[in-house]
PDB file of N, CA and C in Angstrom:
ATOM      1  N   MET A   1       9.398  96.528 135.298  1.00  0.00           N
ATOM      2  CA  MET A   1      10.594  97.050 134.668  1.00  0.00           C
ATOM      3  C   MET A   1      11.635  95.944 134.592  1.00  0.00           C
ATOM      4  N   ALA A   2      12.138  95.684 133.410  1.00  0.00           N
ATOM      5  CA  ALA A   2      13.098  94.608 133.195  1.00  0.00           C
ATOM      6  C   ALA A   2      14.487  95.026 133.678  1.00  0.00           C
ATOM      7  N   VAL A   3      15.230  94.062 134.185  1.00  0.00           N
ATOM      8  CA  VAL A   3      16.615  94.285 134.577  1.00  0.00           C
ATOM      9  C   VAL A   3      17.479  93.780 133.433  1.00  0.00           C
ATOM     10  N   TYR A   4      18.266  94.657 132.852  1.00  0.00           N
ATOM     11  CA  TYR A   4      19.078  94.306 131.705  1.00  0.00           C
ATOM     12  C   TYR A   4      20.263  93.450 132.121  1.00  0.00           C
ATOM     13  N   ALA A   5      20.779  92.665 131.178  1.00  0.00           N
ATOM     14  CA  ALA A   5      21.909  91.775 131.464  1.00  0.00           C
ATOM     15  C   ALA A   5      23.141  92.563 131.875  1.00  0.00           C
ATOM     16  N   THR A   6      23.372  93.710 131.236  1.00  0.00           N
ATOM     17  CA  THR A   6      24.538  94.507 131.614  1.00  0.00           C
ATOM     18  C   THR A   6      24.398  95.059 133.032  1.00  0.00           C
ATOM     19  N   ARG A   7      23.192  95.333 133.465  1.00  0.00           N
ATOM     20  CA  ARG A   7      22.974  95.809 134.838  1.00  0.00           C
ATOM     21  C   ARG A   7      23.307  94.712 135.835  1.00  0.00           C
ATOM     22  N   LYS A   8      22.927  93.473 135.521  1.00  0.00           N
ATOM     23  CA  LYS A   8      23.244  92.356 136.421  1.00  0.00           C
ATOM     24  C   LYS A   8      24.750  92.145 136.512  1.00  0.00           C
ATOM     25  N   ILE A   9      25.424  92.230 135.392  1.00  0.00           N
ATOM     26  CA  ILE A   9      26.879  92.058 135.387  1.00  0.00           C
ATOM     27  C   ILE A   9      27.543  93.204 136.137  1.00  0.00           C
ATOM     28  N   ARG A  10      27.034  94.405 135.940  1.00  0.00           N
ATOM     29  CA  ARG A  10      27.593  95.561 136.641  1.00  0.00           C
ATOM     30  C   ARG A  10      27.375  95.446 138.150  1.00  0.00           C
ATOM     31  N   ASN A  11      26.214  94.973 138.569  1.00  0.00           N
ATOM     32  CA  ASN A  11      25.965  94.762 139.997  1.00  0.00           C
ATOM     33  C   ASN A  11      26.871  93.678 140.557  1.00  0.00           C
ATOM     34  N   THR A  12      27.146  92.651 139.770  1.00  0.00           N
ATOM     35  CA  THR A  12      28.077  91.606 140.210  1.00  0.00           C
ATOM     36  C   THR A  12      29.475  92.179 140.388  1.00  0.00           C
ATOM     37  N   ALA A  13      29.916  93.001 139.447  1.00  0.00           N
ATOM     38  CA  ALA A  13      31.226  93.647 139.565  1.00  0.00           C
ATOM     39  C   ALA A  13      31.278  94.551 140.797  1.00  0.00           C
ATOM     40  N   ALA A  14      30.191  95.282 141.054  1.00  0.00           N
ATOM     41  CA  ALA A  14      30.143  96.154 142.235  1.00  0.00           C
ATOM     42  C   ALA A  14      30.198  95.330 143.516  1.00  0.00           C
ATOM     43  N   LEU A  15      29.501  94.197 143.543  1.00  0.00           N
ATOM     44  CA  LEU A  15      29.520  93.338 144.723  1.00  0.00           C
ATOM     45  C   LEU A  15      30.906  92.762 144.963  1.00  0.00           C
ATOM     46  N   LEU A  16      31.556  92.285 143.906  1.00  0.00           N
ATOM     47  CA  LEU A  16      32.911  91.737 144.065  1.00  0.00           C
ATOM     48  C   LEU A  16      33.889  92.814 144.512  1.00  0.00           C
ATOM     49  N   MET A  17      33.745  94.018 143.972  1.00  0.00           N
ATOM     50  CA  MET A  17      34.609  95.126 144.372  1.00  0.00           C
ATOM     51  C   MET A  17      34.370  95.499 145.824  1.00  0.00           C
ATOM     52  N   MET A  18      33.110  95.464 146.256  1.00  0.00           N
ATOM     53  CA  MET A  18      32.784  95.776 147.641  1.00  0.00           C
ATOM     54  C   MET A  18      33.373  94.725 148.579  1.00  0.00           C
ATOM     55  N   LEU A  19      33.246  93.446 148.221  1.00  0.00           N
ATOM     56  CA  LEU A  19      33.815  92.384 149.052  1.00  0.00           C
ATOM     57  C   LEU A  19      35.335  92.494 149.139  1.00  0.00           C
ATOM     58  N   SER A  20      35.960  92.843 148.029  1.00  0.00           N
ATOM     59  CA  SER A  20      37.408  93.025 148.040  1.00  0.00           C
ATOM     60  C   SER A  20      37.795  94.216 148.921  1.00  0.00           C
ATOM     61  N   GLY A  21      37.053  95.299 148.816  1.00  0.00           N
ATOM     62  CA  GLY A  21      37.338  96.465 149.656  1.00  0.00           C
ATOM     63  C   GLY A  21      37.161  96.170 151.136  1.00  0.00           C
ATOM     64  N   ILE A  22      36.107  95.425 151.468  1.00  0.00           N
ATOM     65  CA  ILE A  22      35.880  95.066 152.874  1.00  0.00           C
ATOM     66  C   ILE A  22      37.006  94.176 153.386  1.00  0.00           C
ATOM     67  N   SER A  23      37.447  93.235 152.557  1.00  0.00           N
ATOM     68  CA  SER A  23      38.530  92.347 153.010  1.00  0.00           C
ATOM     69  C   SER A  23      39.860  93.096 153.124  1.00  0.00           C
ATOM     70  N   HIS A  24      40.053  94.138 152.305  1.00  0.00           N
ATOM     71  CA  HIS A  24      41.247  94.968 152.465  1.00  0.00           C
ATOM     72  C   HIS A  24      41.225  95.687 153.810  1.00  0.00           C
ATOM     73  N   VAL A  25      40.094  96.283 154.125  1.00  0.00           N
ATOM     74  CA  VAL A  25      39.978  97.032 155.382  1.00  0.00           C
ATOM     75  C   VAL A  25      40.028  96.087 156.577  1.00  0.00           C
ATOM     76  N   ALA A  26      39.470  94.891 156.432  1.00  0.00           N
ATOM     77  CA  ALA A  26      39.445  93.931 157.542  1.00  0.00           C
ATOM     78  C   ALA A  26      40.833  93.465 157.939  1.00  0.00           C
ATOM     79  N   GLN A  27      41.805  93.656 157.077  1.00  0.00           N
ATOM     80  CA  GLN A  27      43.165  93.259 157.429  1.00  0.00           C
ATOM     81  C   GLN A  27      43.717  94.067 158.600  1.00  0.00           C
ATOM     82  N   LEU A  28      43.102  95.202 158.883  1.00  0.00           N
ATOM     83  CA  LEU A  28      43.532  95.986 160.047  1.00  0.00           C
ATOM     84  C   LEU A  28      43.365  95.194 161.339  1.00  0.00           C
ATOM     85  N   TRP A  29      42.383  94.297 161.373  1.00  0.00           N
ATOM     86  CA  TRP A  29      42.127  93.521 162.578  1.00  0.00           C
ATOM     87  C   TRP A  29      42.906  92.218 162.628  1.00  0.00           C
ATOM     88  N   TYR A  30      43.422  91.763 161.496  1.00  0.00           N
ATOM     89  CA  TYR A  30      44.061  90.455 161.456  1.00  0.00           C
ATOM     90  C   TYR A  30      45.566  90.498 161.260  1.00  0.00           C
ATOM     91  N   ARG A  31      46.116  91.622 160.939  1.00  0.00           N
ATOM     92  CA  ARG A  31      47.556  91.750 160.731  1.00  0.00           C
ATOM     93  C   ARG A  31      48.103  92.811 161.677  1.00  0.00           C
ATOM     94  N   GLU A  32      49.402  92.788 161.829  1.00  0.00           N
ATOM     95  CA  GLU A  32      50.008  93.805 162.678  1.00  0.00           C
ATOM     96  C   GLU A  32      49.901  95.161 161.983  1.00  0.00           C
ATOM     97  N   THR A  33      49.748  96.180 162.789  1.00  0.00           N
ATOM     98  CA  THR A  33      49.552  97.517 162.232  1.00  0.00           C
ATOM     99  C   THR A  33      50.905  98.117 161.881  1.00  0.00           C
ATOM    100  N   ASN A  34      51.124  98.253 160.580  1.00  0.00           N
ATOM    101  CA  ASN A  34      52.320  98.912 160.074  1.00  0.00           C
ATOM    102  C   ASN A  34      51.924  99.705 158.837  1.00  0.00           C
ATOM    103  N   ALA A  35      52.892 100.281 158.174  1.00  0.00           N
ATOM    104  CA  ALA A  35      52.594 101.131 157.027  1.00  0.00           C
ATOM    105  C   ALA A  35      51.939 100.344 155.895  1.00  0.00           C
ATOM    106  N   ALA A  36      52.394  99.118 155.659  1.00  0.00           N
ATOM    107  CA  ALA A  36      51.818  98.316 154.577  1.00  0.00           C
ATOM    108  C   ALA A  36      50.348  97.983 154.842  1.00  0.00           C
ATOM    109  N   THR A  37      50.023  97.670 156.078  1.00  0.00           N
ATOM    110  CA  THR A  37      48.638  97.353 156.426  1.00  0.00           C
ATOM    111  C   THR A  37      47.748  98.586 156.297  1.00  0.00           C
ATOM    112  N   LEU A  38      48.258  99.733 156.693  1.00  0.00           N
ATOM    113  CA  LEU A  38      47.482 100.965 156.561  1.00  0.00           C
ATOM    114  C   LEU A  38      47.268 101.339 155.100  1.00  0.00           C
ATOM    115  N   LEU A  39      48.271 101.126 154.261  1.00  0.00           N
ATOM    116  CA  LEU A  39      48.096 101.387 152.831  1.00  0.00           C
ATOM    117  C   LEU A  39      47.106 100.414 152.205  1.00  0.00           C
ATOM    118  N   THR A  40      47.110  99.174 152.670  1.00  0.00           N
ATOM    119  CA  THR A  40      46.148  98.194 152.184  1.00  0.00           C
ATOM    120  C   THR A  40      44.729  98.607 152.573  1.00  0.00           C
ATOM    121  N   ALA A  41      44.558  99.080 153.795  1.00  0.00           N
ATOM    122  CA  ALA A  41      43.233  99.538 154.234  1.00  0.00           C
ATOM    123  C   ALA A  41      42.792 100.774 153.449  1.00  0.00           C
ATOM    124  N   LEU A  42      43.727 101.645 153.131  1.00  0.00           N
ATOM    125  CA  LEU A  42      43.408 102.823 152.325  1.00  0.00           C
ATOM    126  C   LEU A  42      42.986 102.402 150.911  1.00  0.00           C
ATOM    127  N   ALA A  43      43.671 101.412 150.356  1.00  0.00           N
ATOM    128  CA  ALA A  43      43.269 100.886 149.047  1.00  0.00           C
ATOM    129  C   ALA A  43      41.880 100.255 149.138  1.00  0.00           C
ATOM    130  N   GLY A  44      41.582  99.626 150.263  1.00  0.00           N
ATOM    131  CA  GLY A  44      40.255  99.052 150.467  1.00  0.00           C
ATOM    132  C   GLY A  44      39.171 100.118 150.490  1.00  0.00           C
ATOM    133  N   MET A  45      39.456 101.248 151.093  1.00  0.00           N
ATOM    134  CA  MET A  45      38.488 102.348 151.086  1.00  0.00           C
ATOM    135  C   MET A  45      38.273 102.869 149.669  1.00  0.00           C
ATOM    136  N   TYR A  46      39.347 102.937 148.893  1.00  0.00           N
ATOM    137  CA  TYR A  46      39.243 103.347 147.496  1.00  0.00           C
ATOM    138  C   TYR A  46      38.385 102.347 146.711  1.00  0.00           C
ATOM    139  N   TYR A  47      38.588 101.052 146.972  1.00  0.00           N
ATOM    140  CA  TYR A  47      37.784 100.022 146.311  1.00  0.00           C
ATOM    141  C   TYR A  47      36.310 100.143 146.703  1.00  0.00           C
ATOM    142  N   LEU A  48      36.036 100.484 147.937  1.00  0.00           N
ATOM    143  CA  LEU A  48      34.644 100.673 148.355  1.00  0.00           C
ATOM    144  C   LEU A  48      34.004 101.856 147.633  1.00  0.00           C
ATOM    145  N   LEU A  49      34.766 102.923 147.421  1.00  0.00           N
ATOM    146  CA  LEU A  49      34.240 104.057 146.652  1.00  0.00           C
ATOM    147  C   LEU A  49      34.001 103.671 145.195  1.00  0.00           C
ATOM    148  N   LEU A  50      34.896 102.859 144.637  1.00  0.00           N
ATOM    149  CA  LEU A  50      34.689 102.387 143.272  1.00  0.00           C
ATOM    150  C   LEU A  50      33.464 101.482 143.184  1.00  0.00           C
ATOM    151  N   ALA A  51      33.245 100.663 144.206  1.00  0.00           N
ATOM    152  CA  ALA A  51      32.056  99.805 144.222  1.00  0.00           C
ATOM    153  C   ALA A  51      30.794 100.649 144.233  1.00  0.00           C
ATOM    154  N   LEU A  52      30.826 101.737 144.977  1.00  0.00           N
ATOM    155  CA  LEU A  52      29.689 102.650 144.983  1.00  0.00           C
ATOM    156  C   LEU A  52      29.471 103.256 143.601  1.00  0.00           C
ATOM    157  N   GLY A  53      30.547 103.613 142.933  1.00  0.00           N
ATOM    158  CA  GLY A  53      30.441 104.150 141.587  1.00  0.00           C
ATOM    159  C   GLY A  53      29.965 103.123 140.578  1.00  0.00           C
ATOM    160  N   LEU A  54      30.373 101.870 140.756  1.00  0.00           N
ATOM    161  CA  LEU A  54      29.941 100.814 139.840  1.00  0.00           C
ATOM    162  C   LEU A  54      28.450 100.530 139.957  1.00  0.00           C
ATOM    163  N   SER A  55      27.865 100.874 141.070  1.00  0.00           N
ATOM    164  CA  SER A  55      26.432 100.649 141.216  1.00  0.00           C
ATOM    165  C   SER A  55      25.611 101.688 140.454  1.00  0.00           C
ATOM    166  N   GLY A  56      26.283 102.694 139.908  1.00  0.00           N
ATOM    167  CA  GLY A  56      25.600 103.718 139.114  1.00  0.00           C
ATOM    168  C   GLY A  56      25.596 103.386 137.641  1.00  0.00           C
ATOM    169  N   GLN A  57      25.703 104.424 136.796  1.00  0.00           N
ATOM    170  CA  GLN A  57      25.595 104.240 135.356  1.00  0.00           C
ATOM    171  C   GLN A  57      26.810 104.719 134.583  1.00  0.00           C
ATOM    172  N   SER A  58      27.759 105.318 135.233  1.00  0.00           N
ATOM    173  CA  SER A  58      28.863 105.984 134.557  1.00  0.00           C
ATOM    174  C   SER A  58      29.828 105.002 133.883  1.00  0.00           C
ATOM    175  N   ARG A  59      30.179 105.298 132.629  1.00  0.00           N
ATOM    176  CA  ARG A  59      31.208 104.509 131.959  1.00  0.00           C
ATOM    177  C   ARG A  59      32.582 104.900 132.478  1.00  0.00           C
ATOM    178  N   PHE A  60      32.724 106.130 132.960  1.00  0.00           N
ATOM    179  CA  PHE A  60      33.999 106.571 133.527  1.00  0.00           C
ATOM    180  C   PHE A  60      34.398 105.686 134.699  1.00  0.00           C
ATOM    181  N   THR A  61      33.445 105.322 135.538  1.00  0.00           N
ATOM    182  CA  THR A  61      33.732 104.440 136.673  1.00  0.00           C
ATOM    183  C   THR A  61      34.187 103.071 136.186  1.00  0.00           C
ATOM    184  N   LEU A  62      33.639 102.604 135.087  1.00  0.00           N
ATOM    185  CA  LEU A  62      34.087 101.328 134.524  1.00  0.00           C
ATOM    186  C   LEU A  62      35.551 101.408 134.107  1.00  0.00           C
ATOM    187  N   TRP A  63      35.928 102.501 133.460  1.00  0.00           N
ATOM    188  CA  TRP A  63      37.321 102.669 133.054  1.00  0.00           C
ATOM    189  C   TRP A  63      38.245 102.774 134.269  1.00  0.00           C
ATOM    190  N   ILE A  64      37.878 103.594 135.228  1.00  0.00           N
ATOM    191  CA  ILE A  64      38.713 103.773 136.420  1.00  0.00           C
ATOM    192  C   ILE A  64      38.838 102.461 137.191  1.00  0.00           C
ATOM    193  N   SER A  65      37.743 101.723 137.308  1.00  0.00           N
ATOM    194  CA  SER A  65      37.774 100.442 138.014  1.00  0.00           C
ATOM    195  C   SER A  65      38.675  99.447 137.298  1.00  0.00           C
ATOM    196  N   THR A  66      38.564  99.388 135.988  1.00  0.00           N
ATOM    197  CA  THR A  66      39.396  98.465 135.218  1.00  0.00           C
ATOM    198  C   THR A  66      40.873  98.797 135.379  1.00  0.00           C
ATOM    199  N   ILE A  67      41.206 100.053 135.269  1.00  0.00           N
ATOM    200  CA  ILE A  67      42.608 100.463 135.393  1.00  0.00           C
ATOM    201  C   ILE A  67      43.116 100.229 136.811  1.00  0.00           C
ATOM    202  N   SER A  68      42.321 100.574 137.810  1.00  0.00           N
ATOM    203  CA  SER A  68      42.750 100.440 139.207  1.00  0.00           C
ATOM    204  C   SER A  68      42.969  98.989 139.606  1.00  0.00           C
ATOM    205  N   VAL A  69      42.000  98.132 139.295  1.00  0.00           N
ATOM    206  CA  VAL A  69      42.149  96.736 139.722  1.00  0.00           C
ATOM    207  C   VAL A  69      43.198  96.012 138.885  1.00  0.00           C
ATOM    208  N   SER A  70      43.403  96.449 137.650  1.00  0.00           N
ATOM    209  CA  SER A  70      44.474  95.852 136.851  1.00  0.00           C
ATOM    210  C   SER A  70      45.836  96.221 137.424  1.00  0.00           C
ATOM    211  N   ALA A  71      45.991  97.469 137.830  1.00  0.00           N
ATOM    212  CA  ALA A  71      47.249  97.893 138.461  1.00  0.00           C
ATOM    213  C   ALA A  71      47.460  97.155 139.780  1.00  0.00           C
ATOM    214  N   GLY A  72      46.404  97.001 140.561  1.00  0.00           N
ATOM    215  CA  GLY A  72      46.507  96.239 141.810  1.00  0.00           C
ATOM    216  C   GLY A  72      46.837  94.786 141.549  1.00  0.00           C
ATOM    217  N   GLY A  73      46.270  94.216 140.508  1.00  0.00           N
ATOM    218  CA  GLY A  73      46.563  92.826 140.155  1.00  0.00           C
ATOM    219  C   GLY A  73      47.998  92.627 139.719  1.00  0.00           C
ATOM    220  N   VAL A  74      48.536  93.589 138.968  1.00  0.00           N
ATOM    221  CA  VAL A  74      49.934  93.506 138.546  1.00  0.00           C
ATOM    222  C   VAL A  74      50.858  93.582 139.756  1.00  0.00           C
ATOM    223  N   MET A  75      50.537  94.462 140.689  1.00  0.00           N
ATOM    224  CA  MET A  75      51.361  94.568 141.900  1.00  0.00           C
ATOM    225  C   MET A  75      51.283  93.294 142.731  1.00  0.00           C
ATOM    226  N   ARG A  76      50.101  92.691 142.822  1.00  0.00           N
ATOM    227  CA  ARG A  76      49.946  91.469 143.609  1.00  0.00           C
ATOM    228  C   ARG A  76      50.608  90.276 142.937  1.00  0.00           C
ATOM    229  N   THR A  77      50.650  90.259 141.611  1.00  0.00           N
ATOM    230  CA  THR A  77      51.286  89.163 140.895  1.00  0.00           C
ATOM    231  C   THR A  77      52.777  89.123 141.220  1.00  0.00           C
ATOM    232  N   GLY A  78      53.392  90.278 141.375  1.00  0.00           N
ATOM    233  CA  GLY A  78      54.804  90.338 141.753  1.00  0.00           C
ATOM    234  C   GLY A  78      55.056  89.808 143.152  1.00  0.00           C
ATOM    235  N   GLN A  79      54.051  89.831 144.018  1.00  0.00           N
ATOM    236  CA  GLN A  79      54.207  89.356 145.388  1.00  0.00           C
ATOM    237  C   GLN A  79      53.930  87.864 145.527  1.00  0.00           C
ATOM    238  N   LEU A  80      53.427  87.211 144.472  1.00  0.00           N
ATOM    239  CA  LEU A  80      53.091  85.790 144.566  1.00  0.00           C
ATOM    240  C   LEU A  80      54.315  84.885 144.587  1.00  0.00           C
ATOM    241  N   GLY A  81      55.469  85.404 144.239  1.00  0.00           N
ATOM    242  CA  GLY A  81      56.667  84.581 144.183  1.00  0.00           C
ATOM    243  C   GLY A  81      57.287  84.280 145.544  1.00  0.00           C
ATOM    244  N   THR A  82      56.644  84.661 146.620  1.00  0.00           N
ATOM    245  CA  THR A  82      57.191  84.411 147.948  1.00  0.00           C
ATOM    246  C   THR A  82      57.118  82.927 148.283  1.00  0.00           C
ATOM    247  N   ALA A  83      57.870  82.516 149.297  1.00  0.00           N
ATOM    248  CA  ALA A  83      57.940  81.099 149.672  1.00  0.00           C
ATOM    249  C   ALA A  83      56.590  80.567 150.151  1.00  0.00           C
ATOM    250  N   ALA A  84      55.901  81.325 150.986  1.00  0.00           N
ATOM    251  CA  ALA A  84      54.601  80.898 151.503  1.00  0.00           C
ATOM    252  C   ALA A  84      53.532  81.847 150.966  1.00  0.00           C
ATOM    253  N   PRO A  85      52.759  81.426 149.958  1.00  0.00           N
ATOM    254  CA  PRO A  85      51.739  82.337 149.409  1.00  0.00           C
ATOM    255  C   PRO A  85      50.648  82.629 150.432  1.00  0.00           C
ATOM    256  N   ASP A  86      50.226  83.855 150.432  1.00  0.00           N
ATOM    257  CA  ASP A  86      49.209  84.326 151.367  1.00  0.00           C
ATOM    258  C   ASP A  86      47.822  84.101 150.766  1.00  0.00           C
ATOM    259  N   PRO A  87      46.890  83.457 151.490  1.00  0.00           N
ATOM    260  CA  PRO A  87      45.545  83.254 150.947  1.00  0.00           C
ATOM    261  C   PRO A  87      44.806  84.568 150.665  1.00  0.00           C
ATOM    262  N   ALA A  88      45.034  85.576 151.486  1.00  0.00           N
ATOM    263  CA  ALA A  88      44.390  86.874 151.255  1.00  0.00           C
ATOM    264  C   ALA A  88      44.900  87.496 149.962  1.00  0.00           C
ATOM    265  N   LEU A  89      46.182  87.306 149.675  1.00  0.00           N
ATOM    266  CA  LEU A  89      46.754  87.825 148.442  1.00  0.00           C
ATOM    267  C   LEU A  89      46.131  87.146 147.226  1.00  0.00           C
ATOM    268  N   ALA A  90      45.956  85.842 147.306  1.00  0.00           N
ATOM    269  CA  ALA A  90      45.317  85.107 146.206  1.00  0.00           C
ATOM    270  C   ALA A  90      43.859  85.531 146.043  1.00  0.00           C
ATOM    271  N   TRP A  91      43.152  85.750 147.151  1.00  0.00           N
ATOM    272  CA  TRP A  91      41.760  86.202 147.108  1.00  0.00           C
ATOM    273  C   TRP A  91      41.656  87.554 146.410  1.00  0.00           C
ATOM    274  N   HIS A  92      42.515  88.496 146.807  1.00  0.00           N
ATOM    275  CA  HIS A  92      42.468  89.826 146.220  1.00  0.00           C
ATOM    276  C   HIS A  92      42.849  89.795 144.742  1.00  0.00           C
ATOM    277  N   LEU A  93      43.800  88.955 144.382  1.00  0.00           N
ATOM    278  CA  LEU A  93      44.180  88.831 142.974  1.00  0.00           C
ATOM    279  C   LEU A  93      43.024  88.267 142.149  1.00  0.00           C
ATOM    280  N   ALA A  94      42.344  87.260 142.673  1.00  0.00           N
ATOM    281  CA  ALA A  94      41.197  86.689 141.960  1.00  0.00           C
ATOM    282  C   ALA A  94      40.074  87.706 141.812  1.00  0.00           C
ATOM    283  N   MET A  95      39.812  88.487 142.848  1.00  0.00           N
ATOM    284  CA  MET A  95      38.774  89.509 142.769  1.00  0.00           C
ATOM    285  C   MET A  95      39.160  90.595 141.773  1.00  0.00           C
ATOM    286  N   ASP A  96      40.428  90.996 141.774  1.00  0.00           N
ATOM    287  CA  ASP A  96      40.875  92.014 140.831  1.00  0.00           C
ATOM    288  C   ASP A  96      40.698  91.547 139.394  1.00  0.00           C
ATOM    289  N   LEU A  97      41.101  90.330 139.112  1.00  0.00           N
ATOM    290  CA  LEU A  97      40.971  89.805 137.753  1.00  0.00           C
ATOM    291  C   LEU A  97      39.506  89.674 137.350  1.00  0.00           C
ATOM    292  N   SER A  98      38.669  89.238 138.274  1.00  0.00           N
ATOM    293  CA  SER A  98      37.240  89.079 137.968  1.00  0.00           C
ATOM    294  C   SER A  98      36.578  90.425 137.691  1.00  0.00           C
ATOM    295  N   VAL A  99      36.852  91.406 138.527  1.00  0.00           N
ATOM    296  CA  VAL A  99      36.245  92.730 138.346  1.00  0.00           C
ATOM    297  C   VAL A  99      36.741  93.365 137.049  1.00  0.00           C
ATOM    298  N   ALA A 100      38.028  93.239 136.758  1.00  0.00           N
ATOM    299  CA  ALA A 100      38.564  93.808 135.523  1.00  0.00           C
ATOM    300  C   ALA A 100      37.907  93.164 134.303  1.00  0.00           C
ATOM    301  N   ALA A 101      37.746  91.838 134.338  1.00  0.00           N
ATOM    302  CA  ALA A 101      37.118  91.144 133.213  1.00  0.00           C
ATOM    303  C   ALA A 101      35.656  91.572 133.049  1.00  0.00           C
ATOM    304  N   LEU A 102      34.932  91.675 134.142  1.00  0.00           N
ATOM    305  CA  LEU A 102      33.530  92.088 134.063  1.00  0.00           C
ATOM    306  C   LEU A 102      33.393  93.522 133.546  1.00  0.00           C
ATOM    307  N   CYS A 103      34.239  94.410 134.027  1.00  0.00           N
ATOM    308  CA  CYS A 103      34.171  95.805 133.585  1.00  0.00           C
ATOM    309  C   CYS A 103      34.530  95.930 132.106  1.00  0.00           C
ATOM    310  N   LEU A 104      35.545  95.186 131.665  1.00  0.00           N
ATOM    311  CA  LEU A 104      35.899  95.225 130.251  1.00  0.00           C
ATOM    312  C   LEU A 104      34.781  94.672 129.383  1.00  0.00           C
ATOM    313  N   TYR A 105      34.112  93.634 129.855  1.00  0.00           N
ATOM    314  CA  TYR A 105      32.996  93.074 129.103  1.00  0.00           C
ATOM    315  C   TYR A 105      31.849  94.085 128.983  1.00  0.00           C
ATOM    316  N   ILE A 106      31.558  94.771 130.067  1.00  0.00           N
ATOM    317  CA  ILE A 106      30.492  95.774 130.033  1.00  0.00           C
ATOM    318  C   ILE A 106      30.872  96.914 129.084  1.00  0.00           C
ATOM    319  N   LEU A 107      32.135  97.344 129.146  1.00  0.00           N
ATOM    320  CA  LEU A 107      32.578  98.403 128.232  1.00  0.00           C
ATOM    321  C   LEU A 107      32.474  97.954 126.780  1.00  0.00           C
ATOM    322  N   TYR A 108      32.872  96.725 126.501  1.00  0.00           N
ATOM    323  CA  TYR A 108      32.751  96.191 125.147  1.00  0.00           C
ATOM    324  C   TYR A 108      31.292  96.150 124.714  1.00  0.00           C
ATOM    325  N   ARG A 109      30.466  95.672 125.602  1.00  0.00           N
ATOM    326  CA  ARG A 109      29.055  95.498 125.262  1.00  0.00           C
ATOM    327  C   ARG A 109      28.360  96.836 125.028  1.00  0.00           C
ATOM    328  N   THR A 110      28.709  97.844 125.803  1.00  0.00           N
ATOM    329  CA  THR A 110      28.082  99.147 125.603  1.00  0.00           C
ATOM    330  C   THR A 110      28.596  99.834 124.339  1.00  0.00           C
ATOM    331  N   ARG A 111      29.785  99.474 123.898  1.00  0.00           N
ATOM    332  CA  ARG A 111      30.350 100.117 122.714  1.00  0.00           C
ATOM    333  C   ARG A 111      30.006  99.401 121.419  1.00  0.00           C
ATOM    334  N   PHE A 112      30.126  98.074 121.396  1.00  0.00           N
ATOM    335  CA  PHE A 112      30.023  97.344 120.145  1.00  0.00           C
ATOM    336  C   PHE A 112      28.784  96.463 120.006  1.00  0.00           C
ATOM    337  N   ALA A 113      28.156  96.103 121.072  1.00  0.00           N
ATOM    338  CA  ALA A 113      27.006  95.216 120.984  1.00  0.00           C
ATOM    339  C   ALA A 113      25.708  96.012 121.134  1.00  0.00           C
ATOM    340  N   ASP A 114      24.638  95.394 120.725  1.00  0.00           N
ATOM    341  CA  ASP A 114      23.341  96.025 120.914  1.00  0.00           C
ATOM    342  C   ASP A 114      22.996  96.013 122.395  1.00  0.00           C
ATOM    343  N   MET A 115      22.495  97.130 122.862  1.00  0.00           N
ATOM    344  CA  MET A 115      22.078  97.186 124.275  1.00  0.00           C
ATOM    345  C   MET A 115      20.793  96.399 124.442  1.00  0.00           C
ATOM    346  N   ASP A 116      20.774  95.567 125.472  1.00  0.00           N
ATOM    347  CA  ASP A 116      19.556  94.774 125.711  1.00  0.00           C
ATOM    348  C   ASP A 116      18.840  95.266 126.910  1.00  0.00           C
TER     349      ASP A 116
END
C-alpha cells in the first residue's frame, strides 16, 4: 500500500504539533507555577489533541489546527518585542508557523490539486 505525499505532510504536521504540545506542557517543570504557566500547559494539551486529530483524515481538523496555531502565532509575535527574547517563545512561534503552512498546503492540495 502506497503512502501518499499528503499523508506524509499531514504526519509531519501532526509530529510538529505534538512536539509543540509536549514543550508547552513541559514548561510546568521549568518555569515557576503561575496562571500564565498553567494556561500555557492547557494550550499544550489542546495542541496534543489537535495532533491526535491531524493523524486522522478529517479536513475539519486541518481548519481548526490552522486557525488555532495562527492565533497562537499572532499572540506570540506580540510577545517578541521584549528586551530578552525567550528561546521557548521562538520555538513555539516557529512550530506554529510551520504547522499552519503545512495544514494550508494540505487544504489547498485536497481542494485544487489532483490527489496522489
